[in-house]
PDB file of N, CA and C in Angstrom:
ATOM      1  N   MET A   1     -55.775 -12.080 -29.742  1.00  0.00           N
ATOM      2  CA  MET A   1     -54.549 -11.318 -29.595  1.00  0.00           C
ATOM      3  C   MET A   1     -54.417 -10.405 -30.810  1.00  0.00           C
ATOM      4  N   ALA A   2     -54.043  -9.167 -30.547  1.00  0.00           N
ATOM      5  CA  ALA A   2     -53.858  -8.196 -31.627  1.00  0.00           C
ATOM      6  C   ALA A   2     -52.747  -8.663 -32.569  1.00  0.00           C
ATOM      7  N   ARG A   3     -52.923  -8.365 -33.838  1.00  0.00           N
ATOM      8  CA  ARG A   3     -51.939  -8.789 -34.845  1.00  0.00           C
ATOM      9  C   ARG A   3     -50.544  -8.221 -34.528  1.00  0.00           C
ATOM     10  N   TRP A   4     -50.493  -6.940 -34.116  1.00  0.00           N
ATOM     11  CA  TRP A   4     -49.192  -6.345 -33.811  1.00  0.00           C
ATOM     12  C   TRP A   4     -48.503  -7.087 -32.678  1.00  0.00           C
ATOM     13  N   LEU A   5     -49.286  -7.542 -31.688  1.00  0.00           N
ATOM     14  CA  LEU A   5     -48.712  -8.223 -30.536  1.00  0.00           C
ATOM     15  C   LEU A   5     -48.157  -9.585 -30.943  1.00  0.00           C
ATOM     16  N   ALA A   6     -48.880 -10.303 -31.779  1.00  0.00           N
ATOM     17  CA  ALA A   6     -48.391 -11.605 -32.245  1.00  0.00           C
ATOM     18  C   ALA A   6     -47.070 -11.442 -32.998  1.00  0.00           C
ATOM     19  N   LYS A   7     -46.975 -10.415 -33.821  1.00  0.00           N
ATOM     20  CA  LYS A   7     -45.739 -10.163 -34.571  1.00  0.00           C
ATOM     21  C   LYS A   7     -44.596  -9.776 -33.630  1.00  0.00           C
ATOM     22  N   VAL A   8     -44.899  -8.930 -32.647  1.00  0.00           N
ATOM     23  CA  VAL A   8     -43.877  -8.501 -31.690  1.00  0.00           C
ATOM     24  C   VAL A   8     -43.367  -9.695 -30.889  1.00  0.00           C
ATOM     25  N   LEU A   9     -44.268 -10.510 -30.379  1.00  0.00           N
ATOM     26  CA  LEU A   9     -43.850 -11.671 -29.590  1.00  0.00           C
ATOM     27  C   LEU A   9     -43.011 -12.631 -30.428  1.00  0.00           C
ATOM     28  N   SER A  10     -43.394 -12.850 -31.669  1.00  0.00           N
ATOM     29  CA  SER A  10     -42.616 -13.723 -32.545  1.00  0.00           C
ATOM     30  C   SER A  10     -41.204 -13.181 -32.728  1.00  0.00           C
ATOM     31  N   ARG A  11     -41.104 -11.902 -32.953  1.00  0.00           N
ATOM     32  CA  ARG A  11     -39.784 -11.278 -33.155  1.00  0.00           C
ATOM     33  C   ARG A  11     -38.953 -11.301 -31.875  1.00  0.00           C
ATOM     34  N   VAL A  12     -39.567 -10.996 -30.740  1.00  0.00           N
ATOM     35  CA  VAL A  12     -38.853 -11.037 -29.458  1.00  0.00           C
ATOM     36  C   VAL A  12     -38.341 -12.454 -29.208  1.00  0.00           C
ATOM     37  N   HIS A  13     -39.187 -13.453 -29.410  1.00  0.00           N
ATOM     38  CA  HIS A  13     -38.778 -14.834 -29.188  1.00  0.00           C
ATOM     39  C   HIS A  13     -37.629 -15.226 -30.113  1.00  0.00           C
ATOM     40  N   ASP A  14     -37.712 -14.845 -31.387  1.00  0.00           N
ATOM     41  CA  ASP A  14     -36.637 -15.152 -32.343  1.00  0.00           C
ATOM     42  C   ASP A  14     -35.324 -14.490 -31.930  1.00  0.00           C
ATOM     43  N   LEU A  15     -35.384 -13.216 -31.571  1.00  0.00           N
ATOM     44  CA  LEU A  15     -34.170 -12.497 -31.186  1.00  0.00           C
ATOM     45  C   LEU A  15     -33.579 -13.056 -29.891  1.00  0.00           C
ATOM     46  N   ALA A  16     -34.432 -13.379 -28.930  1.00  0.00           N
ATOM     47  CA  ALA A  16     -33.942 -13.940 -27.666  1.00  0.00           C
ATOM     48  C   ALA A  16     -33.332 -15.322 -27.887  1.00  0.00           C
ATOM     49  N   ALA A  17     -33.930 -16.117 -28.756  1.00  0.00           N
ATOM     50  CA  ALA A  17     -33.419 -17.464 -29.022  1.00  0.00           C
ATOM     51  C   ALA A  17     -32.028 -17.430 -29.639  1.00  0.00           C
ATOM     52  N   THR A  18     -31.723 -16.377 -30.365  1.00  0.00           N
ATOM     53  CA  THR A  18     -30.408 -16.252 -31.000  1.00  0.00           C
ATOM     54  C   THR A  18     -29.474 -15.328 -30.209  1.00  0.00           C
ATOM     55  N   GLY A  19     -29.917 -14.901 -29.032  1.00  0.00           N
ATOM     56  CA  GLY A  19     -29.073 -14.066 -28.177  1.00  0.00           C
ATOM     57  C   GLY A  19     -28.918 -12.635 -28.646  1.00  0.00           C
ATOM     58  N   ARG A  20     -29.795 -12.201 -29.534  1.00  0.00           N
ATOM     59  CA  ARG A  20     -29.698 -10.832 -30.061  1.00  0.00           C
ATOM     60  C   ARG A  20     -30.514  -9.875 -29.195  1.00  0.00           C
ATOM     61  N   VAL A  21     -30.074  -9.768 -27.963  1.00  0.00           N
ATOM     62  CA  VAL A  21     -30.722  -8.911 -26.979  1.00  0.00           C
ATOM     63  C   VAL A  21     -29.650  -8.036 -26.349  1.00  0.00           C
ATOM     64  N   ARG A  22     -29.942  -6.750 -26.248  1.00  0.00           N
ATOM     65  CA  ARG A  22     -29.042  -5.816 -25.578  1.00  0.00           C
ATOM     66  C   ARG A  22     -29.794  -5.146 -24.445  1.00  0.00           C
ATOM     67  N   LEU A  23     -29.095  -4.907 -23.373  1.00  0.00           N
ATOM     68  CA  LEU A  23     -29.673  -4.192 -22.235  1.00  0.00           C
ATOM     69  C   LEU A  23     -29.093  -2.791 -22.208  1.00  0.00           C
ATOM     70  N   THR A  24     -29.942  -1.799 -22.008  1.00  0.00           N
ATOM     71  CA  THR A  24     -29.415  -0.465 -21.764  1.00  0.00           C
ATOM     72  C   THR A  24     -28.691  -0.506 -20.424  1.00  0.00           C
ATOM     73  N   TYR A  25     -27.891   0.512 -20.173  1.00  0.00           N
ATOM     74  CA  TYR A  25     -27.177   0.586 -18.902  1.00  0.00           C
ATOM     75  C   TYR A  25     -28.163   0.533 -17.738  1.00  0.00           C
ATOM     76  N   LYS A  26     -29.243   1.280 -17.857  1.00  0.00           N
ATOM     77  CA  LYS A  26     -30.268   1.316 -16.812  1.00  0.00           C
ATOM     78  C   LYS A  26     -30.872  -0.071 -16.594  1.00  0.00           C
ATOM     79  N   ALA A  27     -31.231  -0.740 -17.682  1.00  0.00           N
ATOM     80  CA  ALA A  27     -31.833  -2.066 -17.569  1.00  0.00           C
ATOM     81  C   ALA A  27     -30.848  -3.072 -16.966  1.00  0.00           C
ATOM     82  N   ALA A  28     -29.574  -2.982 -17.334  1.00  0.00           N
ATOM     83  CA  ALA A  28     -28.565  -3.889 -16.770  1.00  0.00           C
ATOM     84  C   ALA A  28     -28.463  -3.712 -15.258  1.00  0.00           C
ATOM     85  N   ARG A  29     -28.519  -2.464 -14.798  1.00  0.00           N
ATOM     86  CA  ARG A  29     -28.502  -2.205 -13.345  1.00  0.00           C
ATOM     87  C   ARG A  29     -29.747  -2.794 -12.681  1.00  0.00           C
ATOM     88  N   GLU A  30     -30.891  -2.644 -13.340  1.00  0.00           N
ATOM     89  CA  GLU A  30     -32.145  -3.169 -12.778  1.00  0.00           C
ATOM     90  C   GLU A  30     -32.127  -4.693 -12.715  1.00  0.00           C
ATOM     91  N   VAL A  31     -31.598  -5.331 -13.754  1.00  0.00           N
ATOM     92  CA  VAL A  31     -31.492  -6.791 -13.771  1.00  0.00           C
ATOM     93  C   VAL A  31     -30.586  -7.261 -12.638  1.00  0.00           C
ATOM     94  N   ALA A  32     -29.462  -6.586 -12.461  1.00  0.00           N
ATOM     95  CA  ALA A  32     -28.537  -6.942 -11.382  1.00  0.00           C
ATOM     96  C   ALA A  32     -29.198  -6.780 -10.014  1.00  0.00           C
ATOM     97  N   ALA A  33     -30.009  -5.740  -9.858  1.00  0.00           N
ATOM     98  CA  ALA A  33     -30.702  -5.514  -8.583  1.00  0.00           C
ATOM     99  C   ALA A  33     -31.687  -6.638  -8.275  1.00  0.00           C
ATOM    100  N   LEU A  34     -32.178  -7.290  -9.310  1.00  0.00           N
ATOM    101  CA  LEU A  34     -33.089  -8.423  -9.122  1.00  0.00           C
ATOM    102  C   LEU A  34     -32.332  -9.740  -8.960  1.00  0.00           C
ATOM    103  N   ALA A  35     -30.996  -9.679  -8.998  1.00  0.00           N
ATOM    104  CA  ALA A  35     -30.126 -10.852  -8.898  1.00  0.00           C
ATOM    105  C   ALA A  35     -30.375 -11.839 -10.039  1.00  0.00           C
ATOM    106  N   LEU A  36     -30.614 -11.292 -11.230  1.00  0.00           N
ATOM    107  CA  LEU A  36     -30.823 -12.123 -12.419  1.00  0.00           C
ATOM    108  C   LEU A  36     -29.584 -12.048 -13.308  1.00  0.00           C
ATOM    109  N   SER A  37     -29.379 -13.091 -14.076  1.00  0.00           N
ATOM    110  CA  SER A  37     -28.265 -13.144 -15.017  1.00  0.00           C
ATOM    111  C   SER A  37     -28.769 -12.772 -16.411  1.00  0.00           C
ATOM    112  N   PRO A  38     -27.856 -12.506 -17.339  1.00  0.00           N
ATOM    113  CA  PRO A  38     -28.278 -12.267 -18.725  1.00  0.00           C
ATOM    114  C   PRO A  38     -29.064 -13.452 -19.295  1.00  0.00           C
ATOM    115  N   GLU A  39     -28.710 -14.664 -18.902  1.00  0.00           N
ATOM    116  CA  GLU A  39     -29.451 -15.848 -19.351  1.00  0.00           C
ATOM    117  C   GLU A  39     -30.871 -15.839 -18.807  1.00  0.00           C
ATOM    118  N   ASP A  40     -31.038 -15.361 -17.580  1.00  0.00           N
ATOM    119  CA  ASP A  40     -32.387 -15.244 -17.000  1.00  0.00           C
ATOM    120  C   ASP A  40     -33.227 -14.281 -17.822  1.00  0.00           C
ATOM    121  N   VAL A  41     -32.628 -13.184 -18.259  1.00  0.00           N
ATOM    122  CA  VAL A  41     -33.351 -12.208 -19.078  1.00  0.00           C
ATOM    123  C   VAL A  41     -33.812 -12.867 -20.375  1.00  0.00           C
ATOM    124  N   LEU A  42     -32.921 -13.620 -21.015  1.00  0.00           N
ATOM    125  CA  LEU A  42     -33.308 -14.324 -22.239  1.00  0.00           C
ATOM    126  C   LEU A  42     -34.460 -15.287 -21.975  1.00  0.00           C
ATOM    127  N   ASP A  43     -34.395 -16.003 -20.859  1.00  0.00           N
ATOM    128  CA  ASP A  43     -35.474 -16.933 -20.509  1.00  0.00           C
ATOM    129  C   ASP A  43     -36.800 -16.206 -20.331  1.00  0.00           C
ATOM    130  N   VAL A  44     -36.763 -15.052 -19.674  1.00  0.00           N
ATOM    131  CA  VAL A  44     -37.981 -14.265 -19.474  1.00  0.00           C
ATOM    132  C   VAL A  44     -38.547 -13.824 -20.828  1.00  0.00           C
ATOM    133  N   LEU A  45     -37.681 -13.323 -21.705  1.00  0.00           N
ATOM    134  CA  LEU A  45     -38.139 -12.874 -23.025  1.00  0.00           C
ATOM    135  C   LEU A  45     -38.701 -14.028 -23.839  1.00  0.00           C
ATOM    136  N   LEU A  46     -38.077 -15.186 -23.776  1.00  0.00           N
ATOM    137  CA  LEU A  46     -38.554 -16.360 -24.507  1.00  0.00           C
ATOM    138  C   LEU A  46     -39.920 -16.827 -24.007  1.00  0.00           C
ATOM    139  N   ALA A  47     -40.204 -16.587 -22.737  1.00  0.00           N
ATOM    140  CA  ALA A  47     -41.448 -17.052 -22.132  1.00  0.00           C
ATOM    141  C   ALA A  47     -42.587 -16.032 -22.205  1.00  0.00           C
ATOM    142  N   LEU A  48     -42.331 -14.831 -22.730  1.00  0.00           N
ATOM    143  CA  LEU A  48     -43.397 -13.819 -22.798  1.00  0.00           C
ATOM    144  C   LEU A  48     -44.575 -14.323 -23.623  1.00  0.00           C
ATOM    145  N   THR A  49     -45.767 -14.008 -23.152  1.00  0.00           N
ATOM    146  CA  THR A  49     -47.000 -14.363 -23.862  1.00  0.00           C
ATOM    147  C   THR A  49     -47.862 -13.115 -24.027  1.00  0.00           C
ATOM    148  N   GLY A  50     -48.908 -13.257 -24.780  1.00  0.00           N
ATOM    149  CA  GLY A  50     -49.847 -12.161 -24.953  1.00  0.00           C
ATOM    150  C   GLY A  50     -50.468 -11.720 -23.640  1.00  0.00           C
ATOM    151  N   ASP A  51     -50.623 -12.649 -22.715  1.00  0.00           N
ATOM    152  CA  ASP A  51     -51.191 -12.304 -21.408  1.00  0.00           C
ATOM    153  C   ASP A  51     -50.275 -11.395 -20.598  1.00  0.00           C
ATOM    154  N   ASP A  52     -48.983 -11.408 -20.906  1.00  0.00           N
ATOM    155  CA  ASP A  52     -48.016 -10.561 -20.194  1.00  0.00           C
ATOM    156  C   ASP A  52     -48.014  -9.126 -20.701  1.00  0.00           C
ATOM    157  N   SER A  53     -48.562  -8.909 -21.882  1.00  0.00           N
ATOM    158  CA  SER A  53     -48.527  -7.578 -22.492  1.00  0.00           C
ATOM    159  C   SER A  53     -49.483  -6.619 -21.794  1.00  0.00           C
ATOM    160  N   VAL A  54     -48.990  -5.400 -21.583  1.00  0.00           N
ATOM    161  CA  VAL A  54     -49.860  -4.337 -21.081  1.00  0.00           C
ATOM    162  C   VAL A  54     -49.951  -3.203 -22.099  1.00  0.00           C
ATOM    163  N   GLY A  55     -49.435  -3.468 -23.300  1.00  0.00           N
ATOM    164  CA  GLY A  55     -49.597  -2.498 -24.372  1.00  0.00           C
ATOM    165  C   GLY A  55     -48.300  -1.981 -24.939  1.00  0.00           C
ATOM    166  N   ARG A  56     -48.441  -0.896 -25.647  1.00  0.00           N
ATOM    167  CA  ARG A  56     -47.296  -0.245 -26.274  1.00  0.00           C
ATOM    168  C   ARG A  56     -47.524   1.256 -26.217  1.00  0.00           C
ATOM    169  N   THR A  57     -46.428   1.992 -26.305  1.00  0.00           N
ATOM    170  CA  THR A  57     -46.499   3.441 -26.291  1.00  0.00           C
ATOM    171  C   THR A  57     -45.380   3.970 -27.177  1.00  0.00           C
ATOM    172  N   ALA A  58     -45.580   5.119 -27.734  1.00  0.00           N
ATOM    173  CA  ALA A  58     -44.540   5.721 -28.572  1.00  0.00           C
ATOM    174  C   ALA A  58     -43.511   6.412 -27.699  1.00  0.00           C
ATOM    175  N   SER A  59     -42.249   6.233 -28.030  1.00  0.00           N
ATOM    176  CA  SER A  59     -41.163   6.892 -27.320  1.00  0.00           C
ATOM    177  C   SER A  59     -41.228   8.391 -27.574  1.00  0.00           C
ATOM    178  N   ALA A  60     -41.146   9.174 -26.511  1.00  0.00           N
ATOM    179  CA  ALA A  60     -41.139  10.629 -26.660  1.00  0.00           C
ATOM    180  C   ALA A  60     -39.871  11.097 -27.365  1.00  0.00           C
ATOM    181  N   ALA A  61     -38.774  10.351 -27.182  1.00  0.00           N
ATOM    182  CA  ALA A  61     -37.496  10.755 -27.762  1.00  0.00           C
ATOM    183  C   ALA A  61     -37.373  10.414 -29.240  1.00  0.00           C
ATOM    184  N   SER A  62     -37.813   9.197 -29.628  1.00  0.00           N
ATOM    185  CA  SER A  62     -37.574   8.739 -31.001  1.00  0.00           C
ATOM    186  C   SER A  62     -38.835   8.466 -31.809  1.00  0.00           C
ATOM    187  N   GLY A  63     -39.974   8.372 -31.142  1.00  0.00           N
ATOM    188  CA  GLY A  63     -41.213   8.030 -31.837  1.00  0.00           C
ATOM    189  C   GLY A  63     -41.379   6.538 -32.078  1.00  0.00           C
ATOM    190  N   GLU A  64     -40.365   5.742 -31.709  1.00  0.00           N
ATOM    191  CA  GLU A  64     -40.443   4.288 -31.878  1.00  0.00           C
ATOM    192  C   GLU A  64     -41.434   3.695 -30.881  1.00  0.00           C
ATOM    193  N   TRP A  65     -41.972   2.517 -31.230  1.00  0.00           N
ATOM    194  CA  TRP A  65     -42.842   1.821 -30.296  1.00  0.00           C
ATOM    195  C   TRP A  65     -42.020   1.233 -29.162  1.00  0.00           C
ATOM    196  N   LEU A  66     -42.492   1.421 -27.952  1.00  0.00           N
ATOM    197  CA  LEU A  66     -41.972   0.775 -26.757  1.00  0.00           C
ATOM    198  C   LEU A  66     -43.015  -0.252 -26.342  1.00  0.00           C
ATOM    199  N   TYR A  67     -42.622  -1.495 -26.240  1.00  0.00           N
ATOM    200  CA  TYR A  67     -43.541  -2.578 -25.896  1.00  0.00           C
ATOM    201  C   TYR A  67     -43.369  -2.905 -24.422  1.00  0.00           C
ATOM    202  N   ILE A  68     -44.485  -2.994 -23.705  1.00  0.00           N
ATOM    203  CA  ILE A  68     -44.455  -3.142 -22.255  1.00  0.00           C
ATOM    204  C   ILE A  68     -45.108  -4.458 -21.855  1.00  0.00           C
ATOM    205  N   PHE A  69     -44.398  -5.192 -21.009  1.00  0.00           N
ATOM    206  CA  PHE A  69     -44.868  -6.481 -20.516  1.00  0.00           C
ATOM    207  C   PHE A  69     -44.718  -6.521 -19.005  1.00  0.00           C
ATOM    208  N   LYS A  70     -45.582  -7.312 -18.363  1.00  0.00           N
ATOM    209  CA  LYS A  70     -45.491  -7.522 -16.919  1.00  0.00           C
ATOM    210  C   LYS A  70     -45.629  -9.009 -16.625  1.00  0.00           C
ATOM    211  N   PRO A  71     -44.556  -9.766 -16.900  1.00  0.00           N
ATOM    212  CA  PRO A  71     -44.603 -11.200 -16.609  1.00  0.00           C
ATOM    213  C   PRO A  71     -44.421 -11.481 -15.119  1.00  0.00           C
ATOM    214  N   ASP A  72     -44.878 -12.643 -14.717  1.00  0.00           N
ATOM    215  CA  ASP A  72     -44.671 -13.118 -13.354  1.00  0.00           C
ATOM    216  C   ASP A  72     -43.424 -13.990 -13.357  1.00  0.00           C
ATOM    217  N   ILE A  73     -42.481 -13.660 -12.502  1.00  0.00           N
ATOM    218  CA  ILE A  73     -41.248 -14.443 -12.379  1.00  0.00           C
ATOM    219  C   ILE A  73     -41.175 -14.949 -10.947  1.00  0.00           C
ATOM    220  N   SER A  74     -41.458 -16.205 -10.776  1.00  0.00           N
ATOM    221  CA  SER A  74     -41.415 -16.832  -9.440  1.00  0.00           C
ATOM    222  C   SER A  74     -42.241 -16.063  -8.420  1.00  0.00           C
ATOM    223  N   GLY A  75     -43.452 -15.680  -8.806  1.00  0.00           N
ATOM    224  CA  GLY A  75     -44.352 -14.989  -7.892  1.00  0.00           C
ATOM    225  C   GLY A  75     -44.139 -13.491  -7.800  1.00  0.00           C
ATOM    226  N   GLN A  76     -43.220 -12.945  -8.573  1.00  0.00           N
ATOM    227  CA  GLN A  76     -42.934 -11.513  -8.563  1.00  0.00           C
ATOM    228  C   GLN A  76     -43.248 -10.940  -9.948  1.00  0.00           C
ATOM    229  N   THR A  77     -44.064  -9.898  -9.998  1.00  0.00           N
ATOM    230  CA  THR A  77     -44.363  -9.247 -11.265  1.00  0.00           C
ATOM    231  C   THR A  77     -43.222  -8.308 -11.622  1.00  0.00           C
ATOM    232  N   VAL A  78     -42.744  -8.440 -12.853  1.00  0.00           N
ATOM    233  CA  VAL A  78     -41.622  -7.647 -13.324  1.00  0.00           C
ATOM    234  C   VAL A  78     -42.089  -6.791 -14.496  1.00  0.00           C
ATOM    235  N   TYR A  79     -41.660  -5.544 -14.510  1.00  0.00           N
ATOM    236  CA  TYR A  79     -41.969  -4.586 -15.572  1.00  0.00           C
ATOM    237  C   TYR A  79     -40.845  -4.660 -16.599  1.00  0.00           C
ATOM    238  N   VAL A  80     -41.192  -5.002 -17.843  1.00  0.00           N
ATOM    239  CA  VAL A  80     -40.211  -5.118 -18.922  1.00  0.00           C
ATOM    240  C   VAL A  80     -40.654  -4.210 -20.066  1.00  0.00           C
ATOM    241  N   LYS A  81     -39.778  -3.301 -20.451  1.00  0.00           N
ATOM    242  CA  LYS A  81     -40.064  -2.416 -21.582  1.00  0.00           C
ATOM    243  C   LYS A  81     -38.954  -2.588 -22.599  1.00  0.00           C
ATOM    244  N   LEU A  82     -39.332  -2.763 -23.873  1.00  0.00           N
ATOM    245  CA  LEU A  82     -38.324  -2.995 -24.887  1.00  0.00           C
ATOM    246  C   LEU A  82     -38.661  -2.318 -26.203  1.00  0.00           C
ATOM    247  N   ILE A  83     -37.625  -2.178 -27.019  1.00  0.00           N
ATOM    248  CA  ILE A  83     -37.711  -1.633 -28.369  1.00  0.00           C
ATOM    249  C   ILE A  83     -37.181  -2.705 -29.309  1.00  0.00           C
ATOM    250  N   LEU A  84     -37.803  -2.847 -30.452  1.00  0.00           N
ATOM    251  CA  LEU A  84     -37.300  -3.776 -31.459  1.00  0.00           C
ATOM    252  C   LEU A  84     -36.638  -3.004 -32.580  1.00  0.00           C
ATOM    253  N   ARG A  85     -35.364  -3.270 -32.768  1.00  0.00           N
ATOM    254  CA  ARG A  85     -34.592  -2.710 -33.882  1.00  0.00           C
ATOM    255  C   ARG A  85     -33.957  -3.909 -34.569  1.00  0.00           C
ATOM    256  N   LEU A  86     -32.676  -3.850 -34.867  1.00  0.00           N
ATOM    257  CA  LEU A  86     -31.990  -5.038 -35.382  1.00  0.00           C
ATOM    258  C   LEU A  86     -31.867  -6.081 -34.286  1.00  0.00           C
ATOM    259  N   ASP A  87     -31.771  -5.613 -33.047  1.00  0.00           N
ATOM    260  CA  ASP A  87     -31.761  -6.462 -31.869  1.00  0.00           C
ATOM    261  C   ASP A  87     -32.970  -6.083 -31.020  1.00  0.00           C
ATOM    262  N   CYS A  88     -33.217  -6.894 -30.025  1.00  0.00           N
ATOM    263  CA  CYS A  88     -34.217  -6.546 -29.021  1.00  0.00           C
ATOM    264  C   CYS A  88     -33.477  -5.748 -27.958  1.00  0.00           C
ATOM    265  N   ILE A  89     -33.881  -4.535 -27.743  1.00  0.00           N
ATOM    266  CA  ILE A  89     -33.213  -3.672 -26.773  1.00  0.00           C
ATOM    267  C   ILE A  89     -34.106  -3.526 -25.549  1.00  0.00           C
ATOM    268  N   VAL A  90     -33.638  -4.047 -24.431  1.00  0.00           N
ATOM    269  CA  VAL A  90     -34.402  -3.968 -23.194  1.00  0.00           C
ATOM    270  C   VAL A  90     -34.073  -2.638 -22.532  1.00  0.00           C
ATOM    271  N   VAL A  91     -35.088  -1.828 -22.354  1.00  0.00           N
ATOM    272  CA  VAL A  91     -34.933  -0.482 -21.809  1.00  0.00           C
ATOM    273  C   VAL A  91     -35.142  -0.481 -20.300  1.00  0.00           C
ATOM    274  N   SER A  92     -36.119  -1.240 -19.828  1.00  0.00           N
ATOM    275  CA  SER A  92     -36.414  -1.324 -18.397  1.00  0.00           C
ATOM    276  C   SER A  92     -36.700  -2.767 -18.035  1.00  0.00           C
ATOM    277  N   PHE A  93     -36.263  -3.165 -16.847  1.00  0.00           N
ATOM    278  CA  PHE A  93     -36.483  -4.532 -16.381  1.00  0.00           C
ATOM    279  C   PHE A  93     -36.383  -4.495 -14.866  1.00  0.00           C
ATOM    280  N   HIS A  94     -37.501  -4.227 -14.206  1.00  0.00           N
ATOM    281  CA  HIS A  94     -37.472  -4.083 -12.753  1.00  0.00           C
ATOM    282  C   HIS A  94     -38.762  -4.585 -12.140  1.00  0.00           C
ATOM    283  N   GLU A  95     -38.747  -4.716 -10.833  1.00  0.00           N
ATOM    284  CA  GLU A  95     -39.945  -5.123 -10.120  1.00  0.00           C
ATOM    285  C   GLU A  95     -41.035  -4.110 -10.415  1.00  0.00           C
ATOM    286  N   ASP A  96     -42.239  -4.615 -10.681  1.00  0.00           N
ATOM    287  CA  ASP A  96     -43.348  -3.716 -10.986  1.00  0.00           C
ATOM    288  C   ASP A  96     -43.719  -2.915  -9.753  1.00  0.00           C
ATOM    289  N   GLU A  97     -43.790  -1.630  -9.941  1.00  0.00           N
ATOM    290  CA  GLU A  97     -44.215  -0.716  -8.882  1.00  0.00           C
ATOM    291  C   GLU A  97     -45.395   0.048  -9.436  1.00  0.00           C
ATOM    292  N   ALA A  98     -46.581  -0.394  -9.120  1.00  0.00           N
ATOM    293  CA  ALA A  98     -47.812   0.106  -9.741  1.00  0.00           C
ATOM    294  C   ALA A  98     -47.953   1.625  -9.652  1.00  0.00           C
ATOM    295  N   ASP A  99     -47.495   2.219  -8.582  1.00  0.00           N
ATOM    296  CA  ASP A  99     -47.684   3.656  -8.405  1.00  0.00           C
ATOM    297  C   ASP A  99     -46.461   4.484  -8.754  1.00  0.00           C
ATOM    298  N   ALA A 100     -45.367   3.820  -9.138  1.00  0.00           N
ATOM    299  CA  ALA A 100     -44.128   4.553  -9.420  1.00  0.00           C
ATOM    300  C   ALA A 100     -44.095   5.038 -10.868  1.00  0.00           C
ATOM    301  N   ASP A 101     -43.341   6.083 -11.101  1.00  0.00           N
ATOM    302  CA  ASP A 101     -43.104   6.542 -12.459  1.00  0.00           C
ATOM    303  C   ASP A 101     -42.171   5.545 -13.110  1.00  0.00           C
ATOM    304  N   GLU A 102     -42.586   4.956 -14.215  1.00  0.00           N
ATOM    305  CA  GLU A 102     -41.847   3.841 -14.802  1.00  0.00           C
ATOM    306  C   GLU A 102     -40.873   4.282 -15.860  1.00  0.00           C
ATOM    307  N   ASP A 103     -40.554   5.479 -16.026  1.00  0.00           N
ATOM    308  CA  ASP A 103     -39.506   6.013 -16.885  1.00  0.00           C
ATOM    309  C   ASP A 103     -39.843   7.394 -17.267  1.00  0.00           C
TER     310      ASP A 103
END
């Protein structure tokens, strides 16, 4: 596992364990569409592993790293994109659509 990924996962897990997670308006709508609760989101973040990672990309708007994961939730692959600041900010959280524009 890449060193950056191990550090990111550790930080995501720490922030999720203490409830320091914020959802953007868009992500909150996506979570609701999946019929998930805020606690479910925390559980998903706590369970992320290196195998769920599909990489990182720089934000066109801010230059910050956006970390992308595709965990399996009860047989459904979910696309999760987040930024790490003082809190973990979930930018996208929706069913994975392999051919769709993801933001």
